[in-house]
Amino acid sequence: MKKLDGQFHKAFENRIRLGIMSALAVNDTLDFSALKDYLEVTDGNLASHLKALEKEAFVGVSKTFVDRKPNTKYSITMAGKKAFEAHLNALEQLIKSHK
């Protein structure tokens, strides 16, 4: 596990991952289609970034069926929330130090 306090986290260096975490931070859950539309990315691109965040245990996944169609919903985990907040705090400190 990487140290998070006041440090940037490598998992959030990509703008798509940052977008995923931002969207999930303000929504309880979002399904794959909603994230794809919000971020304007391809299925494959979104899937690879979600997998990376899942691997870090920053994103939780729930698979269900809606009208016999598979529906995958994503949510931010407690570890994800803490890591994302630490990353945002580090960004804020960087911005403040350059004023």
PDB file of N, CA and C in Angstrom:
ATOM      1  N   MET A   1       0.847  -1.186   0.000  1.00  0.00           N
ATOM      2  CA  MET A   1       0.000   0.000   0.000  1.00  0.00           C
ATOM      3  C   MET A   1       0.886   1.240   0.000  1.00  0.00           C
ATOM      4  N   LYS A   2       0.552   2.175  -0.846  1.00  0.00           N
ATOM      5  CA  LYS A   2       1.333   3.396  -0.952  1.00  0.00           C
ATOM      6  C   LYS A   2       0.938   4.377   0.143  1.00  0.00           C
ATOM      7  N   LYS A   3       1.881   5.191   0.559  1.00  0.00           N
ATOM      8  CA  LYS A   3       1.571   6.234   1.537  1.00  0.00           C
ATOM      9  C   LYS A   3       0.700   7.288   0.862  1.00  0.00           C
ATOM     10  N   LEU A   4      -0.374   7.693   1.523  1.00  0.00           N
ATOM     11  CA  LEU A   4      -1.335   8.580   0.892  1.00  0.00           C
ATOM     12  C   LEU A   4      -1.352   9.992   1.449  1.00  0.00           C
ATOM     13  N   ASP A   5      -0.999  10.193   2.707  1.00  0.00           N
ATOM     14  CA  ASP A   5      -1.132  11.498   3.334  1.00  0.00           C
ATOM     15  C   ASP A   5      -0.299  12.555   2.625  1.00  0.00           C
ATOM     16  N   GLY A   6      -0.998  13.546   2.039  1.00  0.00           N
ATOM     17  CA  GLY A   6      -0.326  14.672   1.421  1.00  0.00           C
ATOM     18  C   GLY A   6       0.471  14.333   0.186  1.00  0.00           C
ATOM     19  N   GLN A   7       0.229  13.186  -0.392  1.00  0.00           N
ATOM     20  CA  GLN A   7       0.976  12.793  -1.571  1.00  0.00           C
ATOM     21  C   GLN A   7       0.047  12.523  -2.733  1.00  0.00           C
ATOM     22  N   PHE A   8       0.587  12.701  -3.907  1.00  0.00           N
ATOM     23  CA  PHE A   8      -0.157  12.355  -5.107  1.00  0.00           C
ATOM     24  C   PHE A   8      -0.216  10.840  -5.213  1.00  0.00           C
ATOM     25  N   HIS A   9      -1.309  10.340  -5.751  1.00  0.00           N
ATOM     26  CA  HIS A   9      -1.432   8.899  -5.931  1.00  0.00           C
ATOM     27  C   HIS A   9      -1.368   8.593  -7.416  1.00  0.00           C
ATOM     28  N   LYS A  10      -0.493   7.683  -7.776  1.00  0.00           N
ATOM     29  CA  LYS A  10      -0.269   7.334  -9.176  1.00  0.00           C
ATOM     30  C   LYS A  10      -1.551   6.899  -9.887  1.00  0.00           C
ATOM     31  N   ALA A  11      -2.473   6.270  -9.167  1.00  0.00           N
ATOM     32  CA  ALA A  11      -3.720   5.797  -9.776  1.00  0.00           C
ATOM     33  C   ALA A  11      -4.560   6.937 -10.337  1.00  0.00           C
ATOM     34  N   PHE A  12      -4.337   8.165  -9.858  1.00  0.00           N
ATOM     35  CA  PHE A  12      -5.148   9.296 -10.283  1.00  0.00           C
ATOM     36  C   PHE A  12      -4.428  10.229 -11.255  1.00  0.00           C
ATOM     37  N   GLU A  13      -3.292   9.810 -11.779  1.00  0.00           N
ATOM     38  CA  GLU A  13      -2.540  10.656 -12.705  1.00  0.00           C
ATOM     39  C   GLU A  13      -3.246  10.797 -14.047  1.00  0.00           C
ATOM     40  N   ASN A  14      -4.055   9.832 -14.414  1.00  0.00           N
ATOM     41  CA  ASN A  14      -4.764   9.865 -15.683  1.00  0.00           C
ATOM     42  C   ASN A  14      -6.065  10.648 -15.535  1.00  0.00           C
ATOM     43  N   ARG A  15      -6.394  11.480 -16.507  1.00  0.00           N
ATOM     44  CA  ARG A  15      -7.585  12.326 -16.421  1.00  0.00           C
ATOM     45  C   ARG A  15      -8.876  11.516 -16.381  1.00  0.00           C
ATOM     46  N   ILE A  16      -8.902  10.359 -17.041  1.00  0.00           N
ATOM     47  CA  ILE A  16     -10.107   9.530 -17.030  1.00  0.00           C
ATOM     48  C   ILE A  16     -10.331   8.940 -15.642  1.00  0.00           C
ATOM     49  N   ARG A  17      -9.272   8.447 -15.022  1.00  0.00           N
ATOM     50  CA  ARG A  17      -9.397   7.917 -13.660  1.00  0.00           C
ATOM     51  C   ARG A  17      -9.790   9.012 -12.680  1.00  0.00           C
ATOM     52  N   LEU A  18      -9.231  10.185 -12.874  1.00  0.00           N
ATOM     53  CA  LEU A  18      -9.601  11.331 -12.035  1.00  0.00           C
ATOM     54  C   LEU A  18     -11.082  11.653 -12.235  1.00  0.00           C
ATOM     55  N   GLY A  19     -11.549  11.575 -13.476  1.00  0.00           N
ATOM     56  CA  GLY A  19     -12.950  11.817 -13.785  1.00  0.00           C
ATOM     57  C   GLY A  19     -13.866  10.776 -13.176  1.00  0.00           C
ATOM     58  N   ILE A  20     -13.454   9.512 -13.244  1.00  0.00           N
ATOM     59  CA  ILE A  20     -14.238   8.428 -12.647  1.00  0.00           C
ATOM     60  C   ILE A  20     -14.389   8.661 -11.155  1.00  0.00           C
ATOM     61  N   MET A  21     -13.284   8.945 -10.491  1.00  0.00           N
ATOM     62  CA  MET A  21     -13.313   9.151  -9.043  1.00  0.00           C
ATOM     63  C   MET A  21     -14.138  10.387  -8.682  1.00  0.00           C
ATOM     64  N   SER A  22     -14.021  11.448  -9.466  1.00  0.00           N
ATOM     65  CA  SER A  22     -14.799  12.658  -9.212  1.00  0.00           C
ATOM     66  C   SER A  22     -16.290  12.379  -9.325  1.00  0.00           C
ATOM     67  N   ALA A  23     -16.670  11.656 -10.366  1.00  0.00           N
ATOM     68  CA  ALA A  23     -18.088  11.326 -10.579  1.00  0.00           C
ATOM     69  C   ALA A  23     -18.619  10.442  -9.455  1.00  0.00           C
ATOM     70  N   LEU A  24     -17.814   9.462  -9.042  1.00  0.00           N
ATOM     71  CA  LEU A  24     -18.264   8.540  -7.991  1.00  0.00           C
ATOM     72  C   LEU A  24     -18.243   9.194  -6.609  1.00  0.00           C
ATOM     73  N   ALA A  25     -17.420  10.208  -6.437  1.00  0.00           N
ATOM     74  CA  ALA A  25     -17.349  10.902  -5.143  1.00  0.00           C
ATOM     75  C   ALA A  25     -18.641  11.665  -4.850  1.00  0.00           C
ATOM     76  N   VAL A  26     -19.351  12.074  -5.890  1.00  0.00           N
ATOM     77  CA  VAL A  26     -20.578  12.860  -5.695  1.00  0.00           C
ATOM     78  C   VAL A  26     -21.857  12.079  -6.012  1.00  0.00           C
ATOM     79  N   ASN A  27     -21.719  10.817  -6.398  1.00  0.00           N
ATOM     80  CA  ASN A  27     -22.862   9.940  -6.669  1.00  0.00           C
ATOM     81  C   ASN A  27     -22.670   8.640  -5.893  1.00  0.00           C
ATOM     82  N   ASP A  28     -23.740   8.129  -5.311  1.00  0.00           N
ATOM     83  CA  ASP A  28     -23.627   6.859  -4.583  1.00  0.00           C
ATOM     84  C   ASP A  28     -23.146   5.752  -5.505  1.00  0.00           C
ATOM     85  N   THR A  29     -23.805   5.621  -6.661  1.00  0.00           N
ATOM     86  CA  THR A  29     -23.403   4.643  -7.663  1.00  0.00           C
ATOM     87  C   THR A  29     -23.659   5.217  -9.046  1.00  0.00           C
ATOM     88  N   LEU A  30     -22.905   4.742 -10.007  1.00  0.00           N
ATOM     89  CA  LEU A  30     -23.132   5.071 -11.411  1.00  0.00           C
ATOM     90  C   LEU A  30     -22.922   3.801 -12.219  1.00  0.00           C
ATOM     91  N   ASP A  31     -23.764   3.606 -13.226  1.00  0.00           N
ATOM     92  CA  ASP A  31     -23.551   2.425 -14.051  1.00  0.00           C
ATOM     93  C   ASP A  31     -22.554   2.745 -15.169  1.00  0.00           C
ATOM     94  N   PHE A  32     -22.130   1.692 -15.846  1.00  0.00           N
ATOM     95  CA  PHE A  32     -21.102   1.807 -16.874  1.00  0.00           C
ATOM     96  C   PHE A  32     -21.493   2.831 -17.936  1.00  0.00           C
ATOM     97  N   SER A  33     -22.750   2.755 -18.401  1.00  0.00           N
ATOM     98  CA  SER A  33     -23.215   3.656 -19.468  1.00  0.00           C
ATOM     99  C   SER A  33     -23.178   5.111 -19.026  1.00  0.00           C
ATOM    100  N   ALA A  34     -23.592   5.381 -17.796  1.00  0.00           N
ATOM    101  CA  ALA A  34     -23.585   6.758 -17.287  1.00  0.00           C
ATOM    102  C   ALA A  34     -22.158   7.296 -17.219  1.00  0.00           C
ATOM    103  N   LEU A  35     -21.235   6.474 -16.735  1.00  0.00           N
ATOM    104  CA  LEU A  35     -19.832   6.900 -16.678  1.00  0.00           C
ATOM    105  C   LEU A  35     -19.279   7.134 -18.079  1.00  0.00           C
ATOM    106  N   LYS A  36     -19.608   6.247 -18.990  1.00  0.00           N
ATOM    107  CA  LYS A  36     -19.132   6.360 -20.374  1.00  0.00           C
ATOM    108  C   LYS A  36     -19.632   7.661 -21.009  1.00  0.00           C
ATOM    109  N   ASP A  37     -20.920   7.954 -20.823  1.00  0.00           N
ATOM    110  CA  ASP A  37     -21.490   9.181 -21.382  1.00  0.00           C
ATOM    111  C   ASP A  37     -20.893  10.425 -20.726  1.00  0.00           C
ATOM    112  N   TYR A  38     -20.771  10.381 -19.415  1.00  0.00           N
ATOM    113  CA  TYR A  38     -20.243  11.524 -18.668  1.00  0.00           C
ATOM    114  C   TYR A  38     -18.807  11.849 -19.077  1.00  0.00           C
ATOM    115  N   LEU A  39     -17.986  10.813 -19.219  1.00  0.00           N
ATOM    116  CA  LEU A  39     -16.566  11.010 -19.513  1.00  0.00           C
ATOM    117  C   LEU A  39     -16.249  11.064 -21.000  1.00  0.00           C
ATOM    118  N   GLU A  40     -17.251  10.698 -21.835  1.00  0.00           N
ATOM    119  CA  GLU A  40     -17.073  10.677 -23.297  1.00  0.00           C
ATOM    120  C   GLU A  40     -15.866   9.847 -23.723  1.00  0.00           C
ATOM    121  N   VAL A  41     -15.880   8.579 -23.304  1.00  0.00           N
ATOM    122  CA  VAL A  41     -14.804   7.645 -23.642  1.00  0.00           C
ATOM    123  C   VAL A  41     -15.399   6.384 -24.258  1.00  0.00           C
ATOM    124  N   THR A  42     -14.552   5.574 -24.854  1.00  0.00           N
ATOM    125  CA  THR A  42     -15.003   4.313 -25.439  1.00  0.00           C
ATOM    126  C   THR A  42     -15.200   3.268 -24.349  1.00  0.00           C
ATOM    127  N   ASP A  43     -15.927   2.201 -24.693  1.00  0.00           N
ATOM    128  CA  ASP A  43     -16.142   1.100 -23.756  1.00  0.00           C
ATOM    129  C   ASP A  43     -14.812   0.537 -23.256  1.00  0.00           C
ATOM    130  N   GLY A  44     -13.922   0.241 -24.198  1.00  0.00           N
ATOM    131  CA  GLY A  44     -12.639  -0.364 -23.841  1.00  0.00           C
ATOM    132  C   GLY A  44     -11.782   0.530 -22.974  1.00  0.00           C
ATOM    133  N   ASN A  45     -11.768   1.813 -23.301  1.00  0.00           N
ATOM    134  CA  ASN A  45     -10.983   2.773 -22.531  1.00  0.00           C
ATOM    135  C   ASN A  45     -11.506   2.866 -21.097  1.00  0.00           C
ATOM    136  N   LEU A  46     -12.826   3.012 -20.956  1.00  0.00           N
ATOM    137  CA  LEU A  46     -13.421   3.100 -19.625  1.00  0.00           C
ATOM    138  C   LEU A  46     -13.190   1.816 -18.838  1.00  0.00           C
ATOM    139  N   ALA A  47     -13.393   0.678 -19.485  1.00  0.00           N
ATOM    140  CA  ALA A  47     -13.232  -0.617 -18.813  1.00  0.00           C
ATOM    141  C   ALA A  47     -11.818  -0.789 -18.272  1.00  0.00           C
ATOM    142  N   SER A  48     -10.815  -0.406 -19.043  1.00  0.00           N
ATOM    143  CA  SER A  48      -9.422  -0.573 -18.584  1.00  0.00           C
ATOM    144  C   SER A  48      -9.123   0.328 -17.385  1.00  0.00           C
ATOM    145  N   HIS A  49      -9.643   1.537 -17.389  1.00  0.00           N
ATOM    146  CA  HIS A  49      -9.407   2.443 -16.260  1.00  0.00           C
ATOM    147  C   HIS A  49     -10.175   1.992 -15.019  1.00  0.00           C
ATOM    148  N   LEU A  50     -11.394   1.488 -15.211  1.00  0.00           N
ATOM    149  CA  LEU A  50     -12.156   0.962 -14.076  1.00  0.00           C
ATOM    150  C   LEU A  50     -11.445  -0.244 -13.465  1.00  0.00           C
ATOM    151  N   LYS A  51     -10.889  -1.104 -14.312  1.00  0.00           N
ATOM    152  CA  LYS A  51     -10.143  -2.281 -13.824  1.00  0.00           C
ATOM    153  C   LYS A  51      -8.964  -1.851 -12.976  1.00  0.00           C
ATOM    154  N   ALA A  52      -8.259  -0.821 -13.417  1.00  0.00           N
ATOM    155  CA  ALA A  52      -7.099  -0.328 -12.660  1.00  0.00           C
ATOM    156  C   ALA A  52      -7.537   0.185 -11.294  1.00  0.00           C
ATOM    157  N   LEU A  53      -8.664   0.886 -11.241  1.00  0.00           N
ATOM    158  CA  LEU A  53      -9.165   1.403  -9.964  1.00  0.00           C
ATOM    159  C   LEU A  53      -9.711   0.276  -9.091  1.00  0.00           C
ATOM    160  N   GLU A  54     -10.298  -0.738  -9.716  1.00  0.00           N
ATOM    161  CA  GLU A  54     -10.757  -1.922  -8.967  1.00  0.00           C
ATOM    162  C   GLU A  54      -9.572  -2.639  -8.338  1.00  0.00           C
ATOM    163  N   LYS A  55      -8.499  -2.759  -9.102  1.00  0.00           N
ATOM    164  CA  LYS A  55      -7.288  -3.442  -8.631  1.00  0.00           C
ATOM    165  C   LYS A  55      -6.723  -2.762  -7.381  1.00  0.00           C
ATOM    166  N   GLU A  56      -6.837  -1.440  -7.324  1.00  0.00           N
ATOM    167  CA  GLU A  56      -6.382  -0.670  -6.155  1.00  0.00           C
ATOM    168  C   GLU A  56      -7.405  -0.729  -5.014  1.00  0.00           C
ATOM    169  N   ALA A  57      -8.568  -1.324  -5.275  1.00  0.00           N
ATOM    170  CA  ALA A  57      -9.689  -1.400  -4.317  1.00  0.00           C
ATOM    171  C   ALA A  57     -10.267  -0.014  -4.018  1.00  0.00           C
ATOM    172  N   PHE A  58     -10.203   0.877  -5.022  1.00  0.00           N
ATOM    173  CA  PHE A  58     -10.752   2.221  -4.881  1.00  0.00           C
ATOM    174  C   PHE A  58     -12.194   2.296  -5.385  1.00  0.00           C
ATOM    175  N   VAL A  59     -12.575   1.297  -6.195  1.00  0.00           N
ATOM    176  CA  VAL A  59     -13.908   1.265  -6.792  1.00  0.00           C
ATOM    177  C   VAL A  59     -14.528  -0.095  -6.521  1.00  0.00           C
ATOM    178  N   GLY A  60     -15.788  -0.079  -6.084  1.00  0.00           N
ATOM    179  CA  GLY A  60     -16.535  -1.303  -5.882  1.00  0.00           C
ATOM    180  C   GLY A  60     -17.448  -1.552  -7.070  1.00  0.00           C
ATOM    181  N   VAL A  61     -17.738  -2.828  -7.348  1.00  0.00           N
ATOM    182  CA  VAL A  61     -18.544  -3.211  -8.501  1.00  0.00           C
ATOM    183  C   VAL A  61     -19.728  -4.046  -8.047  1.00  0.00           C
ATOM    184  N   SER A  62     -20.892  -3.751  -8.627  1.00  0.00           N
ATOM    185  CA  SER A  62     -22.101  -4.515  -8.348  1.00  0.00           C
ATOM    186  C   SER A  62     -22.743  -4.875  -9.683  1.00  0.00           C
ATOM    187  N   LYS A  63     -22.910  -6.176  -9.930  1.00  0.00           N
ATOM    188  CA  LYS A  63     -23.502  -6.623 -11.200  1.00  0.00           C
ATOM    189  C   LYS A  63     -24.892  -7.180 -10.941  1.00  0.00           C
ATOM    190  N   THR A  64     -25.859  -6.636 -11.682  1.00  0.00           N
ATOM    191  CA  THR A  64     -27.245  -7.083 -11.569  1.00  0.00           C
ATOM    192  C   THR A  64     -27.841  -7.194 -12.968  1.00  0.00           C
ATOM    193  N   PHE A  65     -29.117  -7.560 -13.015  1.00  0.00           N
ATOM    194  CA  PHE A  65     -29.829  -7.582 -14.294  1.00  0.00           C
ATOM    195  C   PHE A  65     -31.005  -6.629 -14.213  1.00  0.00           C
ATOM    196  N   VAL A  66     -31.190  -5.838 -15.267  1.00  0.00           N
ATOM    197  CA  VAL A  66     -32.330  -4.941 -15.383  1.00  0.00           C
ATOM    198  C   VAL A  66     -33.038  -5.307 -16.684  1.00  0.00           C
ATOM    199  N   ASP A  67     -34.275  -5.761 -16.575  1.00  0.00           N
ATOM    200  CA  ASP A  67     -35.019  -6.240 -17.754  1.00  0.00           C
ATOM    201  C   ASP A  67     -34.210  -7.261 -18.550  1.00  0.00           C
ATOM    202  N   ARG A  68     -33.651  -8.201 -17.842  1.00  0.00           N
ATOM    203  CA  ARG A  68     -32.858  -9.303 -18.417  1.00  0.00           C
ATOM    204  C   ARG A  68     -31.563  -8.862 -19.084  1.00  0.00           C
ATOM    205  N   LYS A  69     -31.171  -7.615 -18.893  1.00  0.00           N
ATOM    206  CA  LYS A  69     -29.907  -7.127 -19.430  1.00  0.00           C
ATOM    207  C   LYS A  69     -28.940  -6.923 -18.269  1.00  0.00           C
ATOM    208  N   PRO A  70     -27.676  -7.303 -18.460  1.00  0.00           N
ATOM    209  CA  PRO A  70     -26.697  -7.082 -17.391  1.00  0.00           C
ATOM    210  C   PRO A  70     -26.488  -5.590 -17.144  1.00  0.00           C
ATOM    211  N   ASN A  71     -26.371  -5.227 -15.878  1.00  0.00           N
ATOM    212  CA  ASN A  71     -26.136  -3.840 -15.493  1.00  0.00           C
ATOM    213  C   ASN A  71     -25.034  -3.829 -14.442  1.00  0.00           C
ATOM    214  N   THR A  72     -23.964  -3.126 -14.744  1.00  0.00           N
ATOM    215  CA  THR A  72     -22.831  -3.033 -13.832  1.00  0.00           C
ATOM    216  C   THR A  72     -22.789  -1.644 -13.234  1.00  0.00           C
ATOM    217  N   LYS A  73     -22.836  -1.585 -11.909  1.00  0.00           N
ATOM    218  CA  LYS A  73     -22.781  -0.307 -11.200  1.00  0.00           C
ATOM    219  C   LYS A  73     -21.471  -0.213 -10.431  1.00  0.00           C
ATOM    220  N   TYR A  74     -20.974   1.002 -10.344  1.00  0.00           N
ATOM    221  CA  TYR A  74     -19.715   1.268  -9.660  1.00  0.00           C
ATOM    222  C   TYR A  74     -19.936   2.255  -8.531  1.00  0.00           C
ATOM    223  N   SER A  75     -19.160   2.096  -7.478  1.00  0.00           N
ATOM    224  CA  SER A  75     -19.206   3.020  -6.344  1.00  0.00           C
ATOM    225  C   SER A  75     -17.792   3.204  -5.818  1.00  0.00           C
ATOM    226  N   ILE A  76     -17.591   4.295  -5.112  1.00  0.00           N
ATOM    227  CA  ILE A  76     -16.277   4.565  -4.526  1.00  0.00           C
ATOM    228  C   ILE A  76     -16.202   3.821  -3.184  1.00  0.00           C
ATOM    229  N   THR A  77     -15.083   3.189  -2.913  1.00  0.00           N
ATOM    230  CA  THR A  77     -14.895   2.490  -1.639  1.00  0.00           C
ATOM    231  C   THR A  77     -14.355   3.476  -0.599  1.00  0.00           C
ATOM    232  N   MET A  78     -14.355   3.066   0.647  1.00  0.00           N
ATOM    233  CA  MET A  78     -13.803   3.924   1.699  1.00  0.00           C
ATOM    234  C   MET A  78     -12.314   4.186   1.431  1.00  0.00           C
ATOM    235  N   ALA A  79     -11.591   3.153   1.023  1.00  0.00           N
ATOM    236  CA  ALA A  79     -10.169   3.335   0.698  1.00  0.00           C
ATOM    237  C   ALA A  79     -10.011   4.293  -0.478  1.00  0.00           C
ATOM    238  N   GLY A  80     -10.899   4.174  -1.456  1.00  0.00           N
ATOM    239  CA  GLY A  80     -10.863   5.062  -2.612  1.00  0.00           C
ATOM    240  C   GLY A  80     -11.135   6.499  -2.229  1.00  0.00           C
ATOM    241  N   LYS A  81     -12.107   6.670  -1.351  1.00  0.00           N
ATOM    242  CA  LYS A  81     -12.459   8.018  -0.893  1.00  0.00           C
ATOM    243  C   LYS A  81     -11.284   8.667  -0.165  1.00  0.00           C
ATOM    244  N   LYS A  82     -10.645   7.911   0.720  1.00  0.00           N
ATOM    245  CA  LYS A  82      -9.495   8.441   1.471  1.00  0.00           C
ATOM    246  C   LYS A  82      -8.333   8.786   0.541  1.00  0.00           C
ATOM    247  N   ALA A  83      -8.039   7.880  -0.393  1.00  0.00           N
ATOM    248  CA  ALA A  83      -6.930   8.108  -1.325  1.00  0.00           C
ATOM    249  C   ALA A  83      -7.220   9.299  -2.228  1.00  0.00           C
ATOM    250  N   PHE A  84      -8.461   9.410  -2.699  1.00  0.00           N
ATOM    251  CA  PHE A  84      -8.841  10.507  -3.582  1.00  0.00           C
ATOM    252  C   PHE A  84      -8.771  11.843  -2.841  1.00  0.00           C
ATOM    253  N   GLU A  85      -9.258  11.874  -1.613  1.00  0.00           N
ATOM    254  CA  GLU A  85      -9.182  13.103  -0.808  1.00  0.00           C
ATOM    255  C   GLU A  85      -7.739  13.506  -0.553  1.00  0.00           C
ATOM    256  N   ALA A  86      -6.875  12.527  -0.274  1.00  0.00           N
ATOM    257  CA  ALA A  86      -5.453  12.828  -0.058  1.00  0.00           C
ATOM    258  C   ALA A  86      -4.831  13.389  -1.332  1.00  0.00           C
ATOM    259  N   HIS A  87      -5.207  12.822  -2.464  1.00  0.00           N
ATOM    260  CA  HIS A  87      -4.691  13.293  -3.752  1.00  0.00           C
ATOM    261  C   HIS A  87      -5.157  14.731  -4.014  1.00  0.00           C
ATOM    262  N   LEU A  88      -6.438  15.001  -3.773  1.00  0.00           N
ATOM    263  CA  LEU A  88      -6.966  16.356  -3.972  1.00  0.00           C
ATOM    264  C   LEU A  88      -6.307  17.349  -3.027  1.00  0.00           C
ATOM    265  N   ASN A  89      -6.057  16.932  -1.795  1.00  0.00           N
ATOM    266  CA  ASN A  89      -5.361  17.806  -0.836  1.00  0.00           C
ATOM    267  C   ASN A  89      -3.950  18.126  -1.315  1.00  0.00           C
ATOM    268  N   ALA A  90      -3.270  17.123  -1.871  1.00  0.00           N
ATOM    269  CA  ALA A  90      -1.916  17.341  -2.392  1.00  0.00           C
ATOM    270  C   ALA A  90      -1.958  18.312  -3.576  1.00  0.00           C
ATOM    271  N   LEU A  91      -2.968  18.178  -4.440  1.00  0.00           N
ATOM    272  CA  LEU A  91      -3.122  19.114  -5.555  1.00  0.00           C
ATOM    273  C   LEU A  91      -3.358  20.534  -5.042  1.00  0.00           C
ATOM    274  N   GLU A  92      -4.210  20.643  -4.041  1.00  0.00           N
ATOM    275  CA  GLU A  92      -4.516  21.945  -3.458  1.00  0.00           C
ATOM    276  C   GLU A  92      -3.265  22.588  -2.875  1.00  0.00           C
ATOM    277  N   GLN A  93      -2.456  21.795  -2.167  1.00  0.00           N
ATOM    278  CA  GLN A  93      -1.208  22.316  -1.588  1.00  0.00           C
ATOM    279  C   GLN A  93      -0.246  22.768  -2.680  1.00  0.00           C
ATOM    280  N   LEU A  94      -0.193  21.993  -3.763  1.00  0.00           N
ATOM    281  CA  LEU A  94       0.690  22.359  -4.879  1.00  0.00           C
ATOM    282  C   LEU A  94       0.255  23.688  -5.487  1.00  0.00           C
ATOM    283  N   ILE A  95      -1.025  23.865  -5.675  1.00  0.00           N
ATOM    284  CA  ILE A  95      -1.560  25.103  -6.245  1.00  0.00           C
ATOM    285  C   ILE A  95      -1.281  26.276  -5.312  1.00  0.00           C
ATOM    286  N   LYS A  96      -1.520  26.093  -4.027  1.00  0.00           N
ATOM    287  CA  LYS A  96      -1.288  27.166  -3.056  1.00  0.00           C
ATOM    288  C   LYS A  96       0.190  27.547  -2.983  1.00  0.00           C
ATOM    289  N   SER A  97       1.077  26.576  -3.130  1.00  0.00           N
ATOM    290  CA  SER A  97       2.506  26.858  -3.023  1.00  0.00           C
ATOM    291  C   SER A  97       3.049  27.590  -4.240  1.00  0.00           C
ATOM    292  N   HIS A  98       2.273  27.612  -5.327  1.00  0.00           N
ATOM    293  CA  HIS A  98       2.722  28.277  -6.551  1.00  0.00           C
ATOM    294  C   HIS A  98       2.027  29.610  -6.808  1.00  0.00           C
ATOM    295  N   LYS A  99       1.360  30.133  -5.790  1.00  0.00           N
ATOM    296  CA  LYS A  99       0.689  31.440  -5.962  1.00  0.00           C
ATOM    297  C   LYS A  99       1.644  32.562  -5.675  1.00  0.00           C
TER     298      LYS A  99
END
